């Protein structure tokens, strides 16, 4: 796969910054009692797509990475409602 331009990569990260708050605390639909803090945004090397880099409040020594599209993907919770996978709870 040919790499896209620096300008396009930068534009992808800038768009991601408008959608996800770095430093923001988010709730995951399956564990609303736990907070997840966004540490940074990054680009996945093989796809060049934006990813969210985050850590959980219950295991701060573990760092996680999730594709931006998956971060906001609609999911069905235990009550049968369609919700976002992660929801901002504090900035």
PDB file of N, CA and C in Angstrom:
ATOM      1  N   UNK A   1       0.838  -1.181   0.000  1.00  0.00           N
ATOM      2  CA  UNK A   1       0.000   0.000   0.000  1.00  0.00           C
ATOM      3  C   UNK A   1       0.882   1.243   0.000  1.00  0.00           C
ATOM      4  N   UNK A   2       0.608   2.159  -0.880  1.00  0.00           N
ATOM      5  CA  UNK A   2       1.353   3.412  -0.930  1.00  0.00           C
ATOM      6  C   UNK A   2       0.868   4.317   0.199  1.00  0.00           C
ATOM      7  N   UNK A   3       1.800   4.957   0.846  1.00  0.00           N
ATOM      8  CA  UNK A   3       1.437   5.870   1.929  1.00  0.00           C
ATOM      9  C   UNK A   3       0.829   7.138   1.359  1.00  0.00           C
ATOM     10  N   UNK A   4      -0.131   7.680   2.097  1.00  0.00           N
ATOM     11  CA  UNK A   4      -0.725   8.945   1.678  1.00  0.00           C
ATOM     12  C   UNK A   4       0.151  10.082   2.181  1.00  0.00           C
ATOM     13  N   UNK A   5      -0.158  11.275   1.743  1.00  0.00           N
ATOM     14  CA  UNK A   5       0.698  12.425   2.049  1.00  0.00           C
ATOM     15  C   UNK A   5       0.638  12.806   3.525  1.00  0.00           C
ATOM     16  N   UNK A   6       1.673  13.488   3.945  1.00  0.00           N
ATOM     17  CA  UNK A   6       1.745  14.031   5.304  1.00  0.00           C
ATOM     18  C   UNK A   6       0.534  14.926   5.573  1.00  0.00           C
ATOM     19  N   UNK A   7       0.157  15.722   4.595  1.00  0.00           N
ATOM     20  CA  UNK A   7      -0.976  16.640   4.751  1.00  0.00           C
ATOM     21  C   UNK A   7      -2.270  15.874   5.015  1.00  0.00           C
ATOM     22  N   UNK A   8      -2.491  14.786   4.274  1.00  0.00           N
ATOM     23  CA  UNK A   8      -3.693  13.981   4.470  1.00  0.00           C
ATOM     24  C   UNK A   8      -3.677  13.288   5.828  1.00  0.00           C
ATOM     25  N   UNK A   9      -2.526  12.770   6.225  1.00  0.00           N
ATOM     26  CA  UNK A   9      -2.419  12.141   7.543  1.00  0.00           C
ATOM     27  C   UNK A   9      -2.711  13.157   8.644  1.00  0.00           C
ATOM     28  N   UNK A  10      -2.160  14.349   8.510  1.00  0.00           N
ATOM     29  CA  UNK A  10      -2.398  15.415   9.489  1.00  0.00           C
ATOM     30  C   UNK A  10      -3.872  15.799   9.527  1.00  0.00           C
ATOM     31  N   UNK A  11      -4.496  15.853   8.354  1.00  0.00           N
ATOM     32  CA  UNK A  11      -5.920  16.189   8.285  1.00  0.00           C
ATOM     33  C   UNK A  11      -6.759  15.127   8.985  1.00  0.00           C
ATOM     34  N   UNK A  12      -6.398  13.864   8.844  1.00  0.00           N
ATOM     35  CA  UNK A  12      -7.126  12.785   9.523  1.00  0.00           C
ATOM     36  C   UNK A  12      -7.037  12.935  11.035  1.00  0.00           C
ATOM     37  N   UNK A  13      -5.852  13.271  11.532  1.00  0.00           N
ATOM     38  CA  UNK A  13      -5.697  13.453  12.983  1.00  0.00           C
ATOM     39  C   UNK A  13      -6.443  14.690  13.473  1.00  0.00           C
ATOM     40  N   UNK A  14      -6.434  15.765  12.692  1.00  0.00           N
ATOM     41  CA  UNK A  14      -7.160  16.976  13.077  1.00  0.00           C
ATOM     42  C   UNK A  14      -8.663  16.707  13.157  1.00  0.00           C
ATOM     43  N   UNK A  15      -9.188  15.950  12.215  1.00  0.00           N
ATOM     44  CA  UNK A  15     -10.604  15.587  12.246  1.00  0.00           C
ATOM     45  C   UNK A  15     -10.897  14.730  13.477  1.00  0.00           C
ATOM     46  N   UNK A  16     -10.019  13.800  13.785  1.00  0.00           N
ATOM     47  CA  UNK A  16     -10.193  12.959  14.973  1.00  0.00           C
ATOM     48  C   UNK A  16     -10.207  13.813  16.238  1.00  0.00           C
ATOM     49  N   UNK A  17      -9.379  14.857  16.292  1.00  0.00           N
ATOM     50  CA  UNK A  17      -9.332  15.746  17.460  1.00  0.00           C
ATOM     51  C   UNK A  17     -10.643  16.505  17.651  1.00  0.00           C
ATOM     52  N   UNK A  18     -11.374  16.727  16.571  1.00  0.00           N
ATOM     53  CA  UNK A  18     -12.673  17.385  16.689  1.00  0.00           C
ATOM     54  C   UNK A  18     -13.733  16.434  17.256  1.00  0.00           C
ATOM     55  N   UNK A  19     -13.495  15.143  17.124  1.00  0.00           N
ATOM     56  CA  UNK A  19     -14.468  14.151  17.563  1.00  0.00           C
ATOM     57  C   UNK A  19     -14.189  13.578  18.948  1.00  0.00           C
ATOM     58  N   UNK A  20     -12.917  13.456  19.305  1.00  0.00           N
ATOM     59  CA  UNK A  20     -12.510  12.835  20.570  1.00  0.00           C
ATOM     60  C   UNK A  20     -11.693  13.843  21.365  1.00  0.00           C
ATOM     61  N   UNK A  21     -12.025  13.992  22.623  1.00  0.00           N
ATOM     62  CA  UNK A  21     -11.310  14.921  23.503  1.00  0.00           C
ATOM     63  C   UNK A  21     -10.119  14.232  24.149  1.00  0.00           C
ATOM     64  N   UNK A  22      -8.910  14.629  23.760  1.00  0.00           N
ATOM     65  CA  UNK A  22      -7.716  14.113  24.423  1.00  0.00           C
ATOM     66  C   UNK A  22      -7.734  14.634  25.854  1.00  0.00           C
ATOM     67  N   UNK A  23      -7.570  13.744  26.809  1.00  0.00           N
ATOM     68  CA  UNK A  23      -7.684  14.100  28.219  1.00  0.00           C
ATOM     69  C   UNK A  23      -9.094  13.897  28.759  1.00  0.00           C
ATOM     70  N   UNK A  24     -10.047  13.679  27.857  1.00  0.00           N
ATOM     71  CA  UNK A  24     -11.426  13.472  28.262  1.00  0.00           C
ATOM     72  C   UNK A  24     -11.624  12.103  28.900  1.00  0.00           C
ATOM     73  N   UNK A  25     -12.630  12.023  29.745  1.00  0.00           N
ATOM     74  CA  UNK A  25     -12.982  10.745  30.382  1.00  0.00           C
ATOM     75  C   UNK A  25     -14.256  10.237  29.706  1.00  0.00           C
ATOM     76  N   UNK A  26     -14.215   8.957  29.371  1.00  0.00           N
ATOM     77  CA  UNK A  26     -15.312   8.318  28.660  1.00  0.00           C
ATOM     78  C   UNK A  26     -15.815   7.112  29.437  1.00  0.00           C
ATOM     79  N   UNK A  27     -17.077   6.782  29.188  1.00  0.00           N
ATOM     80  CA  UNK A  27     -17.694   5.609  29.781  1.00  0.00           C
ATOM     81  C   UNK A  27     -17.922   4.592  28.659  1.00  0.00           C
ATOM     82  N   UNK A  28     -17.604   3.323  28.917  1.00  0.00           N
ATOM     83  CA  UNK A  28     -17.857   2.240  27.972  1.00  0.00           C
ATOM     84  C   UNK A  28     -19.236   1.662  28.282  1.00  0.00           C
ATOM     85  N   UNK A  29     -19.973   1.321  27.265  1.00  0.00           N
ATOM     86  CA  UNK A  29     -21.350   0.887  27.471  1.00  0.00           C
ATOM     87  C   UNK A  29     -21.484  -0.348  28.360  1.00  0.00           C
ATOM     88  N   UNK A  30     -20.462  -1.230  28.400  1.00  0.00           N
ATOM     89  CA  UNK A  30     -20.549  -2.438  29.228  1.00  0.00           C
ATOM     90  C   UNK A  30     -20.062  -2.228  30.655  1.00  0.00           C
ATOM     91  N   UNK A  31     -19.308  -1.157  30.900  1.00  0.00           N
ATOM     92  CA  UNK A  31     -18.800  -0.925  32.258  1.00  0.00           C
ATOM     93  C   UNK A  31     -18.930   0.559  32.601  1.00  0.00           C
ATOM     94  N   UNK A  32     -20.166   1.039  32.757  1.00  0.00           N
ATOM     95  CA  UNK A  32     -20.378   2.467  33.002  1.00  0.00           C
ATOM     96  C   UNK A  32     -19.797   2.974  34.315  1.00  0.00           C
ATOM     97  N   UNK A  33     -19.467   2.054  35.238  1.00  0.00           N
ATOM     98  CA  UNK A  33     -18.877   2.473  36.519  1.00  0.00           C
ATOM     99  C   UNK A  33     -17.399   2.807  36.386  1.00  0.00           C
ATOM    100  N   UNK A  34     -16.780   2.436  35.290  1.00  0.00           N
ATOM    101  CA  UNK A  34     -15.355   2.689  35.077  1.00  0.00           C
ATOM    102  C   UNK A  34     -15.162   3.838  34.093  1.00  0.00           C
ATOM    103  N   UNK A  35     -14.120   4.607  34.311  1.00  0.00           N
ATOM    104  CA  UNK A  35     -13.796   5.705  33.401  1.00  0.00           C
ATOM    105  C   UNK A  35     -12.584   5.321  32.564  1.00  0.00           C
ATOM    106  N   UNK A  36     -12.579   5.793  31.343  1.00  0.00           N
ATOM    107  CA  UNK A  36     -11.468   5.581  30.419  1.00  0.00           C
ATOM    108  C   UNK A  36     -10.974   6.943  29.982  1.00  0.00           C
ATOM    109  N   UNK A  37      -9.696   7.203  30.153  1.00  0.00           N
ATOM    110  CA  UNK A  37      -9.118   8.496  29.805  1.00  0.00           C
ATOM    111  C   UNK A  37      -8.379   8.399  28.484  1.00  0.00           C
ATOM    112  N   UNK A  38      -8.715   9.304  27.566  1.00  0.00           N
ATOM    113  CA  UNK A  38      -8.029   9.346  26.277  1.00  0.00           C
ATOM    114  C   UNK A  38      -6.675  10.001  26.489  1.00  0.00           C
ATOM    115  N   UNK A  39      -5.632   9.286  26.139  1.00  0.00           N
ATOM    116  CA  UNK A  39      -4.258   9.768  26.296  1.00  0.00           C
ATOM    117  C   UNK A  39      -3.802  10.529  25.067  1.00  0.00           C
ATOM    118  N   UNK A  40      -4.164   9.999  23.898  1.00  0.00           N
ATOM    119  CA  UNK A  40      -3.688  10.588  22.651  1.00  0.00           C
ATOM    120  C   UNK A  40      -4.494  10.030  21.491  1.00  0.00           C
ATOM    121  N   UNK A  41      -4.222  10.569  20.331  1.00  0.00           N
ATOM    122  CA  UNK A  41      -4.726  10.022  19.082  1.00  0.00           C
ATOM    123  C   UNK A  41      -3.522   9.610  18.265  1.00  0.00           C
ATOM    124  N   UNK A  42      -3.678   8.590  17.451  1.00  0.00           N
ATOM    125  CA  UNK A  42      -2.546   8.084  16.677  1.00  0.00           C
ATOM    126  C   UNK A  42      -3.059   7.564  15.338  1.00  0.00           C
ATOM    127  N   UNK A  43      -2.120   7.197  14.488  1.00  0.00           N
ATOM    128  CA  UNK A  43      -2.455   6.587  13.209  1.00  0.00           C
ATOM    129  C   UNK A  43      -2.004   5.138  13.232  1.00  0.00           C
ATOM    130  N   UNK A  44      -2.894   4.243  12.828  1.00  0.00           N
ATOM    131  CA  UNK A  44      -2.506   2.838  12.734  1.00  0.00           C
ATOM    132  C   UNK A  44      -1.615   2.689  11.514  1.00  0.00           C
ATOM    133  N   UNK A  45      -0.480   2.071  11.698  1.00  0.00           N
ATOM    134  CA  UNK A  45       0.543   2.007  10.649  1.00  0.00           C
ATOM    135  C   UNK A  45       0.052   1.333   9.383  1.00  0.00           C
ATOM    136  N   UNK A  46      -0.613   0.212   9.486  1.00  0.00           N
ATOM    137  CA  UNK A  46      -0.958  -0.527   8.271  1.00  0.00           C
ATOM    138  C   UNK A  46      -2.128   0.066   7.495  1.00  0.00           C
ATOM    139  N   UNK A  47      -3.069   0.715   8.184  1.00  0.00           N
ATOM    140  CA  UNK A  47      -4.235   1.280   7.503  1.00  0.00           C
ATOM    141  C   UNK A  47      -4.188   2.798   7.380  1.00  0.00           C
ATOM    142  N   UNK A  48      -3.338   3.435   8.174  1.00  0.00           N
ATOM    143  CA  UNK A  48      -3.215   4.886   8.248  1.00  0.00           C
ATOM    144  C   UNK A  48      -4.506   5.553   8.719  1.00  0.00           C
ATOM    145  N   UNK A  49      -5.315   4.797   9.455  1.00  0.00           N
ATOM    146  CA  UNK A  49      -6.560   5.326   9.998  1.00  0.00           C
ATOM    147  C   UNK A  49      -6.342   5.799  11.433  1.00  0.00           C
ATOM    148  N   UNK A  50      -7.089   6.831  11.852  1.00  0.00           N
ATOM    149  CA  UNK A  50      -6.953   7.337  13.220  1.00  0.00           C
ATOM    150  C   UNK A  50      -7.397   6.315  14.257  1.00  0.00           C
ATOM    151  N   UNK A  51      -6.682   6.314  15.376  1.00  0.00           N
ATOM    152  CA  UNK A  51      -6.990   5.454  16.515  1.00  0.00           C
ATOM    153  C   UNK A  51      -6.984   6.287  17.791  1.00  0.00           C
ATOM    154  N   UNK A  52      -7.710   5.798  18.772  1.00  0.00           N
ATOM    155  CA  UNK A  52      -7.760   6.413  20.093  1.00  0.00           C
ATOM    156  C   UNK A  52      -6.852   5.606  21.014  1.00  0.00           C
ATOM    157  N   UNK A  53      -5.975   6.306  21.730  1.00  0.00           N
ATOM    158  CA  UNK A  53      -5.077   5.674  22.698  1.00  0.00           C
ATOM    159  C   UNK A  53      -5.623   6.041  24.079  1.00  0.00           C
ATOM    160  N   UNK A  54      -5.915   5.022  24.905  1.00  0.00           N
ATOM    161  CA  UNK A  54      -6.580   5.312  26.172  1.00  0.00           C
ATOM    162  C   UNK A  54      -6.193   4.311  27.256  1.00  0.00           C
ATOM    163  N   UNK A  55      -6.547   4.668  28.497  1.00  0.00           N
ATOM    164  CA  UNK A  55      -6.306   3.778  29.647  1.00  0.00           C
ATOM    165  C   UNK A  55      -7.552   3.776  30.507  1.00  0.00           C
ATOM    166  N   UNK A  56      -7.724   2.683  31.224  1.00  0.00           N
ATOM    167  CA  UNK A  56      -8.885   2.561  32.103  1.00  0.00           C
ATOM    168  C   UNK A  56      -8.528   2.993  33.517  1.00  0.00           C
ATOM    169  N   UNK A  57      -9.544   3.361  34.269  1.00  0.00           N
ATOM    170  CA  UNK A  57      -9.318   3.761  35.662  1.00  0.00           C
ATOM    171  C   UNK A  57      -8.974   2.563  36.533  1.00  0.00           C
ATOM    172  N   UNK A  58      -9.422   1.375  36.159  1.00  0.00           N
ATOM    173  CA  UNK A  58      -9.182   0.191  36.987  1.00  0.00           C
ATOM    174  C   UNK A  58      -7.843  -0.485  36.709  1.00  0.00           C
ATOM    175  N   UNK A  59      -7.189  -0.159  35.610  1.00  0.00           N
ATOM    176  CA  UNK A  59      -5.854  -0.713  35.326  1.00  0.00           C
ATOM    177  C   UNK A  59      -5.028   0.326  34.557  1.00  0.00           C
ATOM    178  N   UNK A  60      -4.639   1.411  35.231  1.00  0.00           N
ATOM    179  CA  UNK A  60      -3.956   2.516  34.547  1.00  0.00           C
ATOM    180  C   UNK A  60      -2.604   2.153  33.950  1.00  0.00           C
ATOM    181  N   UNK A  61      -2.057   1.006  34.325  1.00  0.00           N
ATOM    182  CA  UNK A  61      -0.770   0.602  33.756  1.00  0.00           C
ATOM    183  C   UNK A  61      -0.937  -0.047  32.383  1.00  0.00           C
ATOM    184  N   UNK A  62      -2.176  -0.361  31.990  1.00  0.00           N
ATOM    185  CA  UNK A  62      -2.428  -0.927  30.672  1.00  0.00           C
ATOM    186  C   UNK A  62      -2.891   0.170  29.718  1.00  0.00           C
ATOM    187  N   UNK A  63      -2.290   0.242  28.556  1.00  0.00           N
ATOM    188  CA  UNK A  63      -2.631   1.231  27.536  1.00  0.00           C
ATOM    189  C   UNK A  63      -3.328   0.490  26.397  1.00  0.00           C
ATOM    190  N   UNK A  64      -4.439   1.040  25.940  1.00  0.00           N
ATOM    191  CA  UNK A  64      -5.250   0.415  24.892  1.00  0.00           C
ATOM    192  C   UNK A  64      -5.295   1.300  23.653  1.00  0.00           C
ATOM    193  N   UNK A  65      -5.524   0.692  22.502  1.00  0.00           N
ATOM    194  CA  UNK A  65      -5.673   1.406  21.237  1.00  0.00           C
ATOM    195  C   UNK A  65      -6.909   0.849  20.542  1.00  0.00           C
ATOM    196  N   UNK A  66      -7.759   1.754  20.070  1.00  0.00           N
ATOM    197  CA  UNK A  66      -8.976   1.336  19.356  1.00  0.00           C
ATOM    198  C   UNK A  66      -9.160   2.235  18.140  1.00  0.00           C
ATOM    199  N   UNK A  67      -9.547   1.643  17.026  1.00  0.00           N
ATOM    200  CA  UNK A  67      -9.821   2.392  15.811  1.00  0.00           C
ATOM    201  C   UNK A  67     -10.912   3.428  16.086  1.00  0.00           C
ATOM    202  N   UNK A  68     -10.748   4.625  15.545  1.00  0.00           N
ATOM    203  CA  UNK A  68     -11.694   5.715  15.791  1.00  0.00           C
ATOM    204  C   UNK A  68     -13.120   5.333  15.392  1.00  0.00           C
ATOM    205  N   UNK A  69     -13.279   4.686  14.246  1.00  0.00           N
ATOM    206  CA  UNK A  69     -14.625   4.288  13.816  1.00  0.00           C
ATOM    207  C   UNK A  69     -15.253   3.323  14.816  1.00  0.00           C
ATOM    208  N   UNK A  70     -14.450   2.427  15.369  1.00  0.00           N
ATOM    209  CA  UNK A  70     -14.942   1.472  16.355  1.00  0.00           C
ATOM    210  C   UNK A  70     -15.249   2.169  17.685  1.00  0.00           C
ATOM    211  N   UNK A  71     -14.496   3.208  18.019  1.00  0.00           N
ATOM    212  CA  UNK A  71     -14.700   3.966  19.254  1.00  0.00           C
ATOM    213  C   UNK A  71     -16.140   4.477  19.339  1.00  0.00           C
ATOM    214  N   UNK A  72     -16.657   4.974  18.223  1.00  0.00           N
ATOM    215  CA  UNK A  72     -18.008   5.542  18.198  1.00  0.00           C
ATOM    216  C   UNK A  72     -19.058   4.591  17.632  1.00  0.00           C
ATOM    217  N   UNK A  73     -18.697   3.353  17.364  1.00  0.00           N
ATOM    218  CA  UNK A  73     -19.622   2.415  16.739  1.00  0.00           C
ATOM    219  C   UNK A  73     -20.866   2.222  17.599  1.00  0.00           C
ATOM    220  N   UNK A  74     -22.029   2.132  16.968  1.00  0.00           N
ATOM    221  CA  UNK A  74     -23.239   1.840  17.731  1.00  0.00           C
ATOM    222  C   UNK A  74     -23.230   0.380  18.176  1.00  0.00           C
ATOM    223  N   UNK A  75     -23.650   0.173  19.415  1.00  0.00           N
ATOM    224  CA  UNK A  75     -23.722  -1.172  19.992  1.00  0.00           C
ATOM    225  C   UNK A  75     -25.060  -1.291  20.734  1.00  0.00           C
ATOM    226  N   UNK A  76     -25.480  -2.508  20.989  1.00  0.00           N
ATOM    227  CA  UNK A  76     -26.721  -2.750  21.721  1.00  0.00           C
ATOM    228  C   UNK A  76     -26.362  -3.118  23.153  1.00  0.00           C
ATOM    229  N   UNK A  77     -26.892  -2.347  24.110  1.00  0.00           N
ATOM    230  CA  UNK A  77     -26.582  -2.613  25.517  1.00  0.00           C
ATOM    231  C   UNK A  77     -27.500  -3.703  26.075  1.00  0.00           C
ATOM    232  N   UNK A  78     -27.341  -4.018  27.363  1.00  0.00           N
ATOM    233  CA  UNK A  78     -28.106  -5.094  27.994  1.00  0.00           C
ATOM    234  C   UNK A  78     -29.602  -4.832  28.009  1.00  0.00           C
ATOM    235  N   UNK A  79     -29.993  -3.556  27.947  1.00  0.00           N
ATOM    236  CA  UNK A  79     -31.413  -3.196  27.929  1.00  0.00           C
ATOM    237  C   UNK A  79     -31.995  -3.249  26.516  1.00  0.00           C
ATOM    238  N   UNK A  80     -31.155  -3.586  25.542  1.00  0.00           N
ATOM    239  CA  UNK A  80     -31.620  -3.664  24.168  1.00  0.00           C
ATOM    240  C   UNK A  80     -31.612  -2.341  23.431  1.00  0.00           C
ATOM    241  N   UNK A  81     -31.010  -1.322  24.043  1.00  0.00           N
ATOM    242  CA  UNK A  81     -30.942  -0.001  23.421  1.00  0.00           C
ATOM    243  C   UNK A  81     -29.672   0.121  22.591  1.00  0.00           C
ATOM    244  N   UNK A  82     -29.752   0.846  21.492  1.00  0.00           N
ATOM    245  CA  UNK A  82     -28.567   1.126  20.687  1.00  0.00           C
ATOM    246  C   UNK A  82     -27.917   2.388  21.228  1.00  0.00           C
ATOM    247  N   UNK A  83     -26.652   2.272  21.607  1.00  0.00           N
ATOM    248  CA  UNK A  83     -25.891   3.383  22.184  1.00  0.00           C
ATOM    249  C   UNK A  83     -24.506   3.407  21.540  1.00  0.00           C
ATOM    250  N   UNK A  84     -23.759   4.478  21.787  1.00  0.00           N
ATOM    251  CA  UNK A  84     -22.364   4.534  21.347  1.00  0.00           C
ATOM    252  C   UNK A  84     -21.519   3.656  22.251  1.00  0.00           C
ATOM    253  N   UNK A  85     -20.471   3.074  21.661  1.00  0.00           N
ATOM    254  CA  UNK A  85     -19.564   2.222  22.446  1.00  0.00           C
ATOM    255  C   UNK A  85     -18.964   3.014  23.609  1.00  0.00           C
ATOM    256  N   UNK A  86     -18.463   4.235  23.351  1.00  0.00           N
ATOM    257  CA  UNK A  86     -17.920   5.123  24.381  1.00  0.00           C
ATOM    258  C   UNK A  86     -18.677   6.432  24.368  1.00  0.00           C
ATOM    259  N   UNK A  87     -18.927   6.977  25.556  1.00  0.00           N
ATOM    260  CA  UNK A  87     -19.628   8.244  25.701  1.00  0.00           C
ATOM    261  C   UNK A  87     -18.808   9.156  26.608  1.00  0.00           C
ATOM    262  N   UNK A  88     -18.629  10.405  26.190  1.00  0.00           N
ATOM    263  CA  UNK A  88     -17.876  11.375  26.989  1.00  0.00           C
ATOM    264  C   UNK A  88     -18.634  11.674  28.276  1.00  0.00           C
ATOM    265  N   UNK A  89     -17.914  11.605  29.433  1.00  0.00           N
ATOM    266  CA  UNK A  89     -18.541  11.922  30.710  1.00  0.00           C
ATOM    267  C   UNK A  89     -17.906  13.140  31.374  1.00  0.00           C
ATOM    268  N   UNK A  90     -16.651  13.455  31.016  1.00  0.00           N
ATOM    269  CA  UNK A  90     -15.979  14.628  31.597  1.00  0.00           C
ATOM    270  C   UNK A  90     -14.784  14.994  30.722  1.00  0.00           C
ATOM    271  N   UNK A  91     -14.484  16.290  30.704  1.00  0.00           N
ATOM    272  CA  UNK A  91     -13.314  16.746  29.944  1.00  0.00           C
ATOM    273  C   UNK A  91     -12.192  17.093  30.876  1.00  0.00           C
TER     274      UNK A  91
END
